[in-house]
Amino acid sequence: MSAHGYDKGRLNLPFVGISTFAKSPYVEDWSRIDADVAILGAPYDFGTQWRAGARFGPRSIREASTLFSFGHAGAYDHEDDVTYLDGVRIVDIGDADIVHTDTIASHAAIETGVRAILASGAMPVVLGGDHSVNIPCIAAFEDQEPIHLVQLDAHLDFVDERHGVRLGHGSPMRRAAERPWVTGLTQLGIRNVSSTAKEGYEAARAMGSDILSVRQIRKLGVDAVAERIPAGKRYYLSIDIDGFDPSIAPGTGTPSHGGFTYYEGLELIAALAKRGEIVGIDLVEVAPDYDHSGSTAILASQILLNAIGRICHRRNALRG
């Protein structure tokens, strides 16, 4: 015992130390990733059209995630009577290199990071950044088995080209639909005043997309929505924080009222985890400077940890 009455050692409490995601181990050498889940930051926001600041998203999400990192064995959910995250190996591999003003180089660096995670056998979880970072994330799955893309978002993000720009945050779902390894899209939360013209919706549906607004989802119910998603597939989940209502997620560049509550988002993700296998996630558009309370980053980290917990619990159950 020390003079202060406790054993000397590193308590590693949430408010001290380096803020990796959930205080997980940091892996600098991307050839030595050995984990179930690997976190990659993509602090890129040159694809934004209005309010920038999502480049600070990864840092804010990591810092917020320390709230949930007291080191206890897993996270017991009394509603589900399940201890999630118990034994789940999460590592943080830091950020992809972002080259100022160079979209191609920055996207290539993000793709390299995701490919390194996939090569290790871990599931990539990418912290954006604006939604254009989804483009290199999906590109990294080129050598994998096909995926079905599920998007939680206020906006369709299906712009083909705007002012000569094809790689901005209004275009990732269009770019994904063009990939032969993306078998279809389910776009959830898309609502009223949006950035996409009617032609964009027509093009999305023609390219295999199922589009539902928040109001339509509430009318159908989560179970009915899940039934619309092809069963038993490999899913890539893309979460734009503006899919949630700005009353709980004000810290974003393009807030849109009428969004999901926390539990609506969680229940959709939980249903998806039971429907098939989620093989990758990105969470984008957290711009902390527009939310001095930090609640948007806390929401992002909480939804991610819950998603990881449910994905890994489902995998373990299937393995017996």
C-alpha atoms as a PDB file:
ATOM      1  CA  MET A   1       0.000   0.000   0.000  1.00  0.00           C
ATOM      2  CA  SER A   2       1.196   3.495  -0.718  1.00  0.00           C
ATOM      3  CA  ALA A   3       1.178   6.399   1.705  1.00  0.00           C
ATOM      4  CA  HIS A   4      -2.190   7.440   0.254  1.00  0.00           C
ATOM      5  CA  GLY A   5      -3.799   4.093   0.985  1.00  0.00           C
ATOM      6  CA  TYR A   6      -3.923   2.451  -2.420  1.00  0.00           C
ATOM      7  CA  ASP A   7      -1.580   0.313  -4.488  1.00  0.00           C
ATOM      8  CA  LYS A   8       0.702   2.232  -6.768  1.00  0.00           C
ATOM      9  CA  GLY A   9      -0.208   1.726 -10.380  1.00  0.00           C
ATOM     10  CA  ARG A  10      -2.017   3.206 -13.323  1.00  0.00           C
ATOM     11  CA  LEU A  11      -5.717   3.646 -12.642  1.00  0.00           C
ATOM     12  CA  ASN A  12      -6.220   4.936 -16.195  1.00  0.00           C
ATOM     13  CA  LEU A  13      -9.382   6.825 -15.273  1.00  0.00           C
ATOM     14  CA  PRO A  14     -11.461   8.435 -18.064  1.00  0.00           C
ATOM     15  CA  PHE A  15     -10.288  11.992 -17.360  1.00  0.00           C
ATOM     16  CA  VAL A  16      -6.550  11.252 -17.524  1.00  0.00           C
ATOM     17  CA  GLY A  17      -4.185   9.815 -20.098  1.00  0.00           C
ATOM     18  CA  ILE A  18      -4.290   9.631 -23.873  1.00  0.00           C
ATOM     19  CA  SER A  19      -7.758   9.461 -25.396  1.00  0.00           C
ATOM     20  CA  THR A  20      -7.783   6.437 -27.636  1.00  0.00           C
ATOM     21  CA  PHE A  21     -11.278   5.155 -28.405  1.00  0.00           C
ATOM     22  CA  ALA A  22     -12.665   3.766 -25.121  1.00  0.00           C
ATOM     23  CA  LYS A  23      -9.089   3.848 -23.769  1.00  0.00           C
ATOM     24  CA  SER A  24      -8.302   0.835 -25.964  1.00  0.00           C
ATOM     25  CA  PRO A  25      -4.688  -0.065 -26.840  1.00  0.00           C
ATOM     26  CA  TYR A  26      -3.017   2.022 -29.535  1.00  0.00           C
ATOM     27  CA  VAL A  27      -1.455   0.120 -32.438  1.00  0.00           C
ATOM     28  CA  GLU A  28       0.952   2.224 -34.475  1.00  0.00           C
ATOM     29  CA  ASP A  29       2.161  -0.556 -36.802  1.00  0.00           C
ATOM     30  CA  TRP A  30      -0.758  -1.363 -39.126  1.00  0.00           C
ATOM     31  CA  SER A  31       0.829  -4.691 -40.033  1.00  0.00           C
ATOM     32  CA  ARG A  32       0.427  -5.846 -36.417  1.00  0.00           C
ATOM     33  CA  ILE A  33      -3.305  -5.379 -35.852  1.00  0.00           C
ATOM     34  CA  ASP A  34      -4.590  -8.263 -33.728  1.00  0.00           C
ATOM     35  CA  ALA A  35      -8.132  -7.530 -32.579  1.00  0.00           C
ATOM     36  CA  ASP A  36     -11.819  -8.064 -33.160  1.00  0.00           C
ATOM     37  CA  VAL A  37     -12.408  -4.386 -33.939  1.00  0.00           C
ATOM     38  CA  ALA A  38     -10.001  -1.673 -35.065  1.00  0.00           C
ATOM     39  CA  ILE A  39     -10.756   2.041 -34.872  1.00  0.00           C
ATOM     40  CA  LEU A  40      -9.431   4.375 -37.585  1.00  0.00           C
ATOM     41  CA  GLY A  41      -9.781   8.149 -37.545  1.00  0.00           C
ATOM     42  CA  ALA A  42     -10.483   9.941 -40.818  1.00  0.00           C
ATOM     43  CA  PRO A  43     -10.206  13.647 -39.899  1.00  0.00           C
ATOM     44  CA  TYR A  44     -11.136  14.930 -43.351  1.00  0.00           C
ATOM     45  CA  ASP A  45     -13.769  17.611 -44.022  1.00  0.00           C
ATOM     46  CA  PHE A  46     -12.832  19.134 -47.385  1.00  0.00           C
ATOM     47  CA  GLY A  47     -15.940  17.500 -48.849  1.00  0.00           C
ATOM     48  CA  THR A  48     -18.329  19.723 -46.892  1.00  0.00           C
ATOM     49  CA  GLN A  49     -20.497  22.301 -48.628  1.00  0.00           C
ATOM     50  CA  TRP A  50     -21.606  24.515 -45.742  1.00  0.00           C
ATOM     51  CA  ARG A  51     -20.194  24.274 -42.215  1.00  0.00           C
ATOM     52  CA  ALA A  52     -16.790  22.646 -41.870  1.00  0.00           C
ATOM     53  CA  GLY A  53     -15.349  21.232 -38.644  1.00  0.00           C
ATOM     54  CA  ALA A  54     -15.872  17.481 -38.943  1.00  0.00           C
ATOM     55  CA  ARG A  55     -12.090  17.101 -39.142  1.00  0.00           C
ATOM     56  CA  PHE A  56     -12.202  17.393 -35.358  1.00  0.00           C
ATOM     57  CA  GLY A  57     -14.798  14.620 -35.099  1.00  0.00           C
ATOM     58  CA  PRO A  58     -12.413  11.693 -34.477  1.00  0.00           C
ATOM     59  CA  ARG A  59     -10.667  13.498 -31.632  1.00  0.00           C
ATOM     60  CA  SER A  60     -13.934  14.532 -29.989  1.00  0.00           C
ATOM     61  CA  ILE A  61     -15.460  11.046 -30.293  1.00  0.00           C
ATOM     62  CA  ARG A  62     -12.370   9.445 -28.792  1.00  0.00           C
ATOM     63  CA  GLU A  63     -12.388  11.873 -25.879  1.00  0.00           C
ATOM     64  CA  ALA A  64     -16.119  11.373 -25.286  1.00  0.00           C
ATOM     65  CA  SER A  65     -15.701   7.598 -25.410  1.00  0.00           C
ATOM     66  CA  THR A  66     -13.538   7.670 -22.290  1.00  0.00           C
ATOM     67  CA  LEU A  67     -16.775   8.239 -20.355  1.00  0.00           C
ATOM     68  CA  PHE A  68     -17.542   4.558 -21.007  1.00  0.00           C
ATOM     69  CA  SER A  69     -14.084   3.186 -20.222  1.00  0.00           C
ATOM     70  CA  PHE A  70     -13.886   2.556 -16.496  1.00  0.00           C
ATOM     71  CA  GLY A  71     -12.367  -0.863 -17.184  1.00  0.00           C
ATOM     72  CA  HIS A  72     -15.171  -3.040 -15.839  1.00  0.00           C
ATOM     73  CA  ALA A  73     -15.705  -6.419 -17.482  1.00  0.00           C
ATOM     74  CA  GLY A  74     -18.053  -5.593 -20.323  1.00  0.00           C
ATOM     75  CA  ALA A  75     -21.221  -3.522 -20.237  1.00  0.00           C
ATOM     76  CA  TYR A  76     -24.267  -5.187 -18.679  1.00  0.00           C
ATOM     77  CA  ASP A  77     -27.600  -4.234 -20.272  1.00  0.00           C
ATOM     78  CA  HIS A  78     -30.389  -5.130 -17.841  1.00  0.00           C
ATOM     79  CA  GLU A  79     -33.071  -4.724 -20.536  1.00  0.00           C
ATOM     80  CA  ASP A  80     -31.463  -7.378 -22.723  1.00  0.00           C
ATOM     81  CA  ASP A  81     -29.940  -9.287 -19.785  1.00  0.00           C
ATOM     82  CA  VAL A  82     -26.708  -9.422 -21.766  1.00  0.00           C
ATOM     83  CA  THR A  83     -23.180  -8.308 -20.911  1.00  0.00           C
ATOM     84  CA  TYR A  84     -21.932  -6.691 -24.073  1.00  0.00           C
ATOM     85  CA  LEU A  85     -18.265  -6.046 -24.972  1.00  0.00           C
ATOM     86  CA  ASP A  86     -17.025  -8.665 -22.501  1.00  0.00           C
ATOM     87  CA  GLY A  87     -13.769 -10.017 -23.964  1.00  0.00           C
ATOM     88  CA  VAL A  88     -14.080  -7.969 -27.152  1.00  0.00           C
ATOM     89  CA  ARG A  89     -10.626  -6.894 -28.307  1.00  0.00           C
ATOM     90  CA  ILE A  90     -10.708  -3.300 -29.562  1.00  0.00           C
ATOM     91  CA  VAL A  91      -7.633  -1.421 -30.727  1.00  0.00           C
ATOM     92  CA  ASP A  92      -7.191   2.131 -31.989  1.00  0.00           C
ATOM     93  CA  ILE A  93      -4.799   2.478 -34.916  1.00  0.00           C
ATOM     94  CA  GLY A  94      -4.825   6.272 -34.961  1.00  0.00           C
ATOM     95  CA  ASP A  95      -5.665   8.476 -37.924  1.00  0.00           C
ATOM     96  CA  ALA A  96      -5.181   8.156 -41.639  1.00  0.00           C
ATOM     97  CA  ASP A  97      -2.825  10.759 -43.070  1.00  0.00           C
ATOM     98  CA  ILE A  98      -4.781  13.733 -44.393  1.00  0.00           C
ATOM     99  CA  VAL A  99      -3.052  15.908 -46.980  1.00  0.00           C
ATOM    100  CA  HIS A 100      -4.417  19.439 -46.824  1.00  0.00           C
ATOM    101  CA  THR A 101      -6.641  20.240 -49.852  1.00  0.00           C
ATOM    102  CA  ASP A 102      -5.740  16.956 -51.580  1.00  0.00           C
ATOM    103  CA  THR A 103      -8.876  14.830 -51.731  1.00  0.00           C
ATOM    104  CA  ILE A 104      -7.363  11.998 -53.766  1.00  0.00           C
ATOM    105  CA  ALA A 105      -4.348  11.535 -51.487  1.00  0.00           C
ATOM    106  CA  SER A 106      -6.431  11.833 -48.326  1.00  0.00           C
ATOM    107  CA  HIS A 107      -9.029   9.336 -49.531  1.00  0.00           C
ATOM    108  CA  ALA A 108      -6.249   6.960 -50.591  1.00  0.00           C
ATOM    109  CA  ALA A 109      -4.763   7.104 -47.093  1.00  0.00           C
ATOM    110  CA  ILE A 110      -8.141   6.282 -45.542  1.00  0.00           C
ATOM    111  CA  GLU A 111      -8.570   3.356 -47.941  1.00  0.00           C
ATOM    112  CA  THR A 112      -5.106   2.082 -46.995  1.00  0.00           C
ATOM    113  CA  GLY A 113      -6.060   2.094 -43.331  1.00  0.00           C
ATOM    114  CA  VAL A 114      -9.318   0.227 -43.895  1.00  0.00           C
ATOM    115  CA  ARG A 115      -7.571  -2.334 -46.106  1.00  0.00           C
ATOM    116  CA  ALA A 116      -4.993  -2.919 -43.352  1.00  0.00           C
ATOM    117  CA  ILE A 117      -7.775  -3.576 -40.843  1.00  0.00           C
ATOM    118  CA  LEU A 118      -9.572  -5.964 -43.197  1.00  0.00           C
ATOM    119  CA  ALA A 119      -6.321  -7.807 -43.936  1.00  0.00           C
ATOM    120  CA  SER A 120      -5.891  -8.406 -40.196  1.00  0.00           C
ATOM    121  CA  GLY A 121      -9.330  -9.960 -39.891  1.00  0.00           C
ATOM    122  CA  ALA A 122     -10.667  -7.193 -37.656  1.00  0.00           C
ATOM    123  CA  MET A 123     -13.814  -5.170 -38.290  1.00  0.00           C
ATOM    124  CA  PRO A 124     -13.086  -1.577 -39.315  1.00  0.00           C
ATOM    125  CA  VAL A 125     -14.823   1.249 -37.461  1.00  0.00           C
ATOM    126  CA  VAL A 126     -13.989   4.595 -39.047  1.00  0.00           C
ATOM    127  CA  LEU A 127     -14.502   7.909 -37.274  1.00  0.00           C
ATOM    128  CA  GLY A 128     -15.159  10.786 -39.666  1.00  0.00           C
ATOM    129  CA  GLY A 129     -14.690  13.330 -40.936  1.00  0.00           C
ATOM    130  CA  ASP A 130     -17.370  14.305 -43.422  1.00  0.00           C
ATOM    131  CA  HIS A 131     -19.436  11.707 -45.249  1.00  0.00           C
ATOM    132  CA  SER A 132     -17.121  11.640 -48.258  1.00  0.00           C
ATOM    133  CA  VAL A 133     -14.802   9.411 -46.187  1.00  0.00           C
ATOM    134  CA  ASN A 134     -17.305   6.631 -46.864  1.00  0.00           C
ATOM    135  CA  ILE A 135     -16.071   6.579 -50.469  1.00  0.00           C
ATOM    136  CA  PRO A 136     -12.584   5.180 -49.659  1.00  0.00           C
ATOM    137  CA  CYS A 137     -14.071   2.959 -46.944  1.00  0.00           C
ATOM    138  CA  ILE A 138     -16.305   1.220 -49.490  1.00  0.00           C
ATOM    139  CA  ALA A 139     -13.446   1.114 -52.011  1.00  0.00           C
ATOM    140  CA  ALA A 140     -11.394  -0.889 -49.487  1.00  0.00           C
ATOM    141  CA  PHE A 141     -13.938  -3.741 -49.669  1.00  0.00           C
ATOM    142  CA  GLU A 142     -13.107  -4.401 -53.336  1.00  0.00           C
ATOM    143  CA  ASP A 143     -11.399  -7.731 -52.561  1.00  0.00           C
ATOM    144  CA  GLN A 144     -13.981  -8.813 -49.982  1.00  0.00           C
ATOM    145  CA  GLU A 145     -17.259 -10.664 -50.359  1.00  0.00           C
ATOM    146  CA  PRO A 146     -20.166  -8.439 -51.525  1.00  0.00           C
ATOM    147  CA  ILE A 147     -21.802  -6.051 -49.060  1.00  0.00           C
ATOM    148  CA  HIS A 148     -25.194  -4.413 -48.637  1.00  0.00           C
ATOM    149  CA  LEU A 149     -24.870  -0.803 -47.500  1.00  0.00           C
ATOM    150  CA  VAL A 150     -27.189   0.451 -44.741  1.00  0.00           C
ATOM    151  CA  GLN A 151     -27.180   4.208 -44.175  1.00  0.00           C
ATOM    152  CA  LEU A 152     -28.632   6.210 -41.257  1.00  0.00           C
ATOM    153  CA  ASP A 153     -28.796   9.811 -42.427  1.00  0.00           C
ATOM    154  CA  ALA A 154     -30.952  12.878 -42.950  1.00  0.00           C
ATOM    155  CA  HIS A 155     -29.727  13.217 -46.527  1.00  0.00           C
ATOM    156  CA  LEU A 156     -29.731  10.857 -49.482  1.00  0.00           C
ATOM    157  CA  ASP A 157     -26.123  11.683 -50.489  1.00  0.00           C
ATOM    158  CA  PHE A 158     -26.788  10.482 -54.038  1.00  0.00           C
ATOM    159  CA  VAL A 159     -25.541  13.465 -56.036  1.00  0.00           C
ATOM    160  CA  ASP A 160     -23.666  12.296 -59.114  1.00  0.00           C
ATOM    161  CA  GLU A 161     -21.788  15.532 -59.753  1.00  0.00           C
ATOM    162  CA  ARG A 162     -22.129  19.057 -58.431  1.00  0.00           C
ATOM    163  CA  HIS A 163     -20.007  21.854 -59.911  1.00  0.00           C
ATOM    164  CA  GLY A 164     -17.590  19.233 -61.190  1.00  0.00           C
ATOM    165  CA  VAL A 165     -17.248  17.610 -57.749  1.00  0.00           C
ATOM    166  CA  ARG A 166     -17.897  13.863 -57.568  1.00  0.00           C
ATOM    167  CA  LEU A 167     -16.162  13.022 -54.271  1.00  0.00           C
ATOM    168  CA  GLY A 168     -17.897  15.407 -51.869  1.00  0.00           C
ATOM    169  CA  HIS A 169     -20.080  14.553 -48.896  1.00  0.00           C
ATOM    170  CA  GLY A 170     -23.211  14.737 -51.064  1.00  0.00           C
ATOM    171  CA  SER A 171     -22.106  11.832 -53.269  1.00  0.00           C
ATOM    172  CA  PRO A 172     -20.927   8.810 -51.222  1.00  0.00           C
ATOM    173  CA  MET A 173     -24.035   6.679 -51.678  1.00  0.00           C
ATOM    174  CA  ARG A 174     -23.977   7.289 -55.454  1.00  0.00           C
ATOM    175  CA  ARG A 175     -20.328   6.256 -55.595  1.00  0.00           C
ATOM    176  CA  ALA A 176     -21.117   3.175 -53.476  1.00  0.00           C
ATOM    177  CA  ALA A 177     -24.003   2.138 -55.725  1.00  0.00           C
ATOM    178  CA  GLU A 178     -21.594   2.148 -58.665  1.00  0.00           C
ATOM    179  CA  ARG A 179     -19.336  -0.441 -57.006  1.00  0.00           C
ATOM    180  CA  PRO A 180     -19.990  -3.983 -58.250  1.00  0.00           C
ATOM    181  CA  TRP A 181     -19.356  -5.419 -54.770  1.00  0.00           C
ATOM    182  CA  VAL A 182     -22.195  -3.309 -53.297  1.00  0.00           C
ATOM    183  CA  THR A 183     -25.342  -5.361 -53.904  1.00  0.00           C
ATOM    184  CA  GLY A 184     -27.843  -2.756 -52.755  1.00  0.00           C
ATOM    185  CA  LEU A 185     -28.551   0.085 -50.346  1.00  0.00           C
ATOM    186  CA  THR A 186     -31.012   0.687 -47.529  1.00  0.00           C
ATOM    187  CA  GLN A 187     -31.207   4.409 -46.747  1.00  0.00           C
ATOM    188  CA  LEU A 188     -32.932   5.212 -43.453  1.00  0.00           C
ATOM    189  CA  GLY A 189     -33.938   8.545 -41.965  1.00  0.00           C
ATOM    190  CA  ILE A 190     -33.954  10.530 -45.211  1.00  0.00           C
ATOM    191  CA  ARG A 191     -36.291  13.493 -44.795  1.00  0.00           C
ATOM    192  CA  ASN A 192     -38.017  16.493 -46.385  1.00  0.00           C
ATOM    193  CA  VAL A 193     -35.831  19.508 -47.275  1.00  0.00           C
ATOM    194  CA  SER A 194     -32.737  17.755 -48.569  1.00  0.00           C
ATOM    195  CA  SER A 195     -29.690  18.199 -50.768  1.00  0.00           C
ATOM    196  CA  THR A 196     -30.845  15.802 -53.484  1.00  0.00           C
ATOM    197  CA  ALA A 197     -33.275  16.573 -56.322  1.00  0.00           C
ATOM    198  CA  LYS A 198     -36.098  14.243 -57.352  1.00  0.00           C
ATOM    199  CA  GLU A 199     -33.855  12.805 -60.065  1.00  0.00           C
ATOM    200  CA  GLY A 200     -31.461  11.669 -57.355  1.00  0.00           C
ATOM    201  CA  TYR A 201     -34.176   9.661 -55.642  1.00  0.00           C
ATOM    202  CA  GLU A 202     -35.207   8.123 -58.948  1.00  0.00           C
ATOM    203  CA  ALA A 203     -31.593   7.218 -59.711  1.00  0.00           C
ATOM    204  CA  ALA A 204     -31.095   5.735 -56.241  1.00  0.00           C
ATOM    205  CA  ARG A 205     -34.142   3.493 -56.550  1.00  0.00           C
ATOM    206  CA  ALA A 206     -33.108   2.483 -60.062  1.00  0.00           C
ATOM    207  CA  MET A 207     -29.703   1.453 -58.690  1.00  0.00           C
ATOM    208  CA  GLY A 208     -31.187  -0.765 -55.990  1.00  0.00           C
ATOM    209  CA  SER A 209     -31.883   1.530 -53.063  1.00  0.00           C
ATOM    210  CA  ASP A 210     -34.736   1.289 -50.540  1.00  0.00           C
ATOM    211  CA  ILE A 211     -35.412   4.728 -49.021  1.00  0.00           C
ATOM    212  CA  LEU A 212     -37.383   5.381 -45.822  1.00  0.00           C
ATOM    213  CA  SER A 213     -37.902   8.570 -43.848  1.00  0.00           C
ATOM    214  CA  VAL A 214     -38.028   8.764 -40.062  1.00  0.00           C
ATOM    215  CA  ARG A 215     -41.821   9.136 -40.149  1.00  0.00           C
ATOM    216  CA  GLN A 216     -42.181   6.117 -42.432  1.00  0.00           C
ATOM    217  CA  ILE A 217     -39.955   4.060 -40.133  1.00  0.00           C
ATOM    218  CA  ARG A 218     -42.004   5.041 -37.087  1.00  0.00           C
ATOM    219  CA  LYS A 219     -45.195   4.042 -38.884  1.00  0.00           C
ATOM    220  CA  LEU A 220     -43.769   0.688 -39.987  1.00  0.00           C
ATOM    221  CA  GLY A 221     -41.884  -0.176 -36.811  1.00  0.00           C
ATOM    222  CA  VAL A 222     -38.326  -1.460 -36.479  1.00  0.00           C
ATOM    223  CA  ASP A 223     -39.178  -5.116 -37.102  1.00  0.00           C
ATOM    224  CA  ALA A 224     -40.984  -4.326 -40.357  1.00  0.00           C
ATOM    225  CA  VAL A 225     -38.122  -2.114 -41.504  1.00  0.00           C
ATOM    226  CA  ALA A 226     -35.629  -4.897 -40.781  1.00  0.00           C
ATOM    227  CA  GLU A 227     -37.731  -7.277 -42.888  1.00  0.00           C
ATOM    228  CA  ARG A 228     -37.154  -5.018 -45.894  1.00  0.00           C
ATOM    229  CA  ILE A 229     -33.368  -5.479 -45.646  1.00  0.00           C
ATOM    230  CA  PRO A 230     -32.044  -8.580 -47.451  1.00  0.00           C
ATOM    231  CA  ALA A 231     -31.508 -11.255 -44.817  1.00  0.00           C
ATOM    232  CA  GLY A 232     -28.295 -13.108 -44.084  1.00  0.00           C
ATOM    233  CA  LYS A 233     -26.065 -10.657 -45.953  1.00  0.00           C
ATOM    234  CA  ARG A 234     -22.854  -8.859 -45.099  1.00  0.00           C
ATOM    235  CA  TYR A 235     -23.772  -5.300 -44.131  1.00  0.00           C
ATOM    236  CA  TYR A 236     -21.706  -2.164 -44.126  1.00  0.00           C
ATOM    237  CA  LEU A 237     -23.228   0.426 -41.784  1.00  0.00           C
ATOM    238  CA  SER A 238     -22.740   4.131 -42.462  1.00  0.00           C
ATOM    239  CA  ILE A 239     -24.018   6.446 -39.713  1.00  0.00           C
ATOM    240  CA  ASP A 240     -24.254  10.161 -40.375  1.00  0.00           C
ATOM    241  CA  ILE A 241     -24.798  11.833 -37.008  1.00  0.00           C
ATOM    242  CA  ASP A 242     -27.295  14.206 -38.633  1.00  0.00           C
ATOM    243  CA  GLY A 243     -29.593  11.208 -39.001  1.00  0.00           C
ATOM    244  CA  PHE A 244     -30.328  11.877 -35.320  1.00  0.00           C
ATOM    245  CA  ASP A 245     -32.415  14.853 -34.332  1.00  0.00           C
ATOM    246  CA  PRO A 246     -30.426  18.049 -33.679  1.00  0.00           C
ATOM    247  CA  SER A 247     -32.038  18.230 -30.249  1.00  0.00           C
ATOM    248  CA  ILE A 248     -29.624  15.446 -29.269  1.00  0.00           C
ATOM    249  CA  ALA A 249     -26.992  15.925 -32.008  1.00  0.00           C
ATOM    250  CA  PRO A 250     -26.507  19.661 -32.677  1.00  0.00           C
ATOM    251  CA  GLY A 251     -22.787  19.283 -33.351  1.00  0.00           C
ATOM    252  CA  THR A 252     -22.877  18.662 -37.078  1.00  0.00           C
ATOM    253  CA  GLY A 253     -22.446  20.636 -40.266  1.00  0.00           C
ATOM    254  CA  THR A 254     -25.899  20.067 -41.777  1.00  0.00           C
ATOM    255  CA  PRO A 255     -28.442  19.512 -38.978  1.00  0.00           C
ATOM    256  CA  SER A 256     -31.956  18.501 -40.011  1.00  0.00           C
ATOM    257  CA  HIS A 257     -34.935  18.498 -37.671  1.00  0.00           C
ATOM    258  CA  GLY A 258     -37.218  15.494 -37.452  1.00  0.00           C
ATOM    259  CA  GLY A 259     -34.448  12.966 -36.887  1.00  0.00           C
ATOM    260  CA  PHE A 260     -34.067   9.745 -34.935  1.00  0.00           C
ATOM    261  CA  THR A 261     -34.038   9.527 -31.161  1.00  0.00           C
ATOM    262  CA  TYR A 262     -31.194   7.612 -29.536  1.00  0.00           C
ATOM    263  CA  TYR A 263     -33.242   4.457 -29.014  1.00  0.00           C
ATOM    264  CA  GLU A 264     -34.636   4.473 -32.532  1.00  0.00           C
ATOM    265  CA  GLY A 265     -31.110   4.459 -33.919  1.00  0.00           C
ATOM    266  CA  LEU A 266     -29.951   1.805 -31.462  1.00  0.00           C
ATOM    267  CA  GLU A 267     -32.903  -0.481 -32.171  1.00  0.00           C
ATOM    268  CA  LEU A 268     -32.360  -0.258 -35.927  1.00  0.00           C
ATOM    269  CA  ILE A 269     -28.689  -1.162 -35.484  1.00  0.00           C
ATOM    270  CA  ALA A 270     -29.518  -4.002 -33.083  1.00  0.00           C
ATOM    271  CA  ALA A 271     -32.051  -5.387 -35.558  1.00  0.00           C
ATOM    272  CA  LEU A 272     -29.485  -5.189 -38.352  1.00  0.00           C
ATOM    273  CA  ALA A 273     -26.910  -7.062 -36.253  1.00  0.00           C
ATOM    274  CA  LYS A 274     -29.420  -9.922 -35.870  1.00  0.00           C
ATOM    275  CA  ARG A 275     -30.447  -9.865 -39.549  1.00  0.00           C
ATOM    276  CA  GLY A 276     -26.986 -10.675 -40.921  1.00  0.00           C
ATOM    277  CA  GLU A 277     -23.328  -9.779 -40.336  1.00  0.00           C
ATOM    278  CA  ILE A 278     -22.180  -6.178 -39.973  1.00  0.00           C
ATOM    279  CA  VAL A 279     -18.634  -6.156 -41.363  1.00  0.00           C
ATOM    280  CA  GLY A 280     -17.746  -2.476 -41.244  1.00  0.00           C
ATOM    281  CA  ILE A 281     -18.924   0.843 -39.836  1.00  0.00           C
ATOM    282  CA  ASP A 282     -18.263   4.500 -40.381  1.00  0.00           C
ATOM    283  CA  LEU A 283     -19.704   7.283 -38.245  1.00  0.00           C
ATOM    284  CA  VAL A 284     -19.367  10.714 -39.783  1.00  0.00           C
ATOM    285  CA  GLU A 285     -20.145  14.430 -39.639  1.00  0.00           C
ATOM    286  CA  VAL A 286     -19.541  15.055 -35.928  1.00  0.00           C
ATOM    287  CA  ALA A 287     -18.387  18.688 -35.813  1.00  0.00           C
ATOM    288  CA  PRO A 288     -17.780  19.422 -32.126  1.00  0.00           C
ATOM    289  CA  ASP A 289     -17.412  23.195 -32.391  1.00  0.00           C
ATOM    290  CA  TYR A 290     -21.180  23.507 -32.906  1.00  0.00           C
ATOM    291  CA  ASP A 291     -21.944  21.701 -29.639  1.00  0.00           C
ATOM    292  CA  HIS A 292     -20.104  23.026 -26.619  1.00  0.00           C
ATOM    293  CA  SER A 293     -21.915  20.584 -24.337  1.00  0.00           C
ATOM    294  CA  GLY A 294     -20.139  17.665 -26.038  1.00  0.00           C
ATOM    295  CA  SER A 295     -23.377  15.658 -26.181  1.00  0.00           C
ATOM    296  CA  THR A 296     -23.073  14.959 -29.918  1.00  0.00           C
ATOM    297  CA  ALA A 297     -19.695  13.278 -29.493  1.00  0.00           C
ATOM    298  CA  ILE A 298     -21.015  11.370 -26.471  1.00  0.00           C
ATOM    299  CA  LEU A 299     -23.961  10.154 -28.583  1.00  0.00           C
ATOM    300  CA  ALA A 300     -21.547   9.065 -31.327  1.00  0.00           C
ATOM    301  CA  SER A 301     -19.303   7.118 -28.969  1.00  0.00           C
ATOM    302  CA  GLN A 302     -22.241   5.568 -27.108  1.00  0.00           C
ATOM    303  CA  ILE A 303     -23.975   4.398 -30.289  1.00  0.00           C
ATOM    304  CA  LEU A 304     -20.705   2.959 -31.606  1.00  0.00           C
ATOM    305  CA  LEU A 305     -19.901   1.031 -28.437  1.00  0.00           C
ATOM    306  CA  ASN A 306     -23.438  -0.338 -28.337  1.00  0.00           C
ATOM    307  CA  ALA A 307     -23.198  -1.312 -31.997  1.00  0.00           C
ATOM    308  CA  ILE A 308     -19.841  -3.049 -31.485  1.00  0.00           C
ATOM    309  CA  GLY A 309     -21.229  -4.864 -28.452  1.00  0.00           C
ATOM    310  CA  ARG A 310     -24.254  -6.175 -30.311  1.00  0.00           C
ATOM    311  CA  ILE A 311     -22.262  -7.169 -33.393  1.00  0.00           C
ATOM    312  CA  CYS A 312     -19.736  -9.149 -31.372  1.00  0.00           C
ATOM    313  CA  HIS A 313     -22.407 -10.713 -29.156  1.00  0.00           C
ATOM    314  CA  ARG A 314     -24.215 -11.933 -32.267  1.00  0.00           C
ATOM    315  CA  ARG A 315     -20.986 -13.335 -33.732  1.00  0.00           C
ATOM    316  CA  ASN A 316     -20.213 -15.211 -30.533  1.00  0.00           C
ATOM    317  CA  ALA A 317     -23.742 -16.611 -30.394  1.00  0.00           C
ATOM    318  CA  LEU A 318     -23.485 -17.916 -33.951  1.00  0.00           C
ATOM    319  CA  ARG A 319     -20.129 -19.525 -33.188  1.00  0.00           C
ATOM    320  CA  GLY A 320     -21.694 -21.285 -30.222  1.00  0.00           C
END
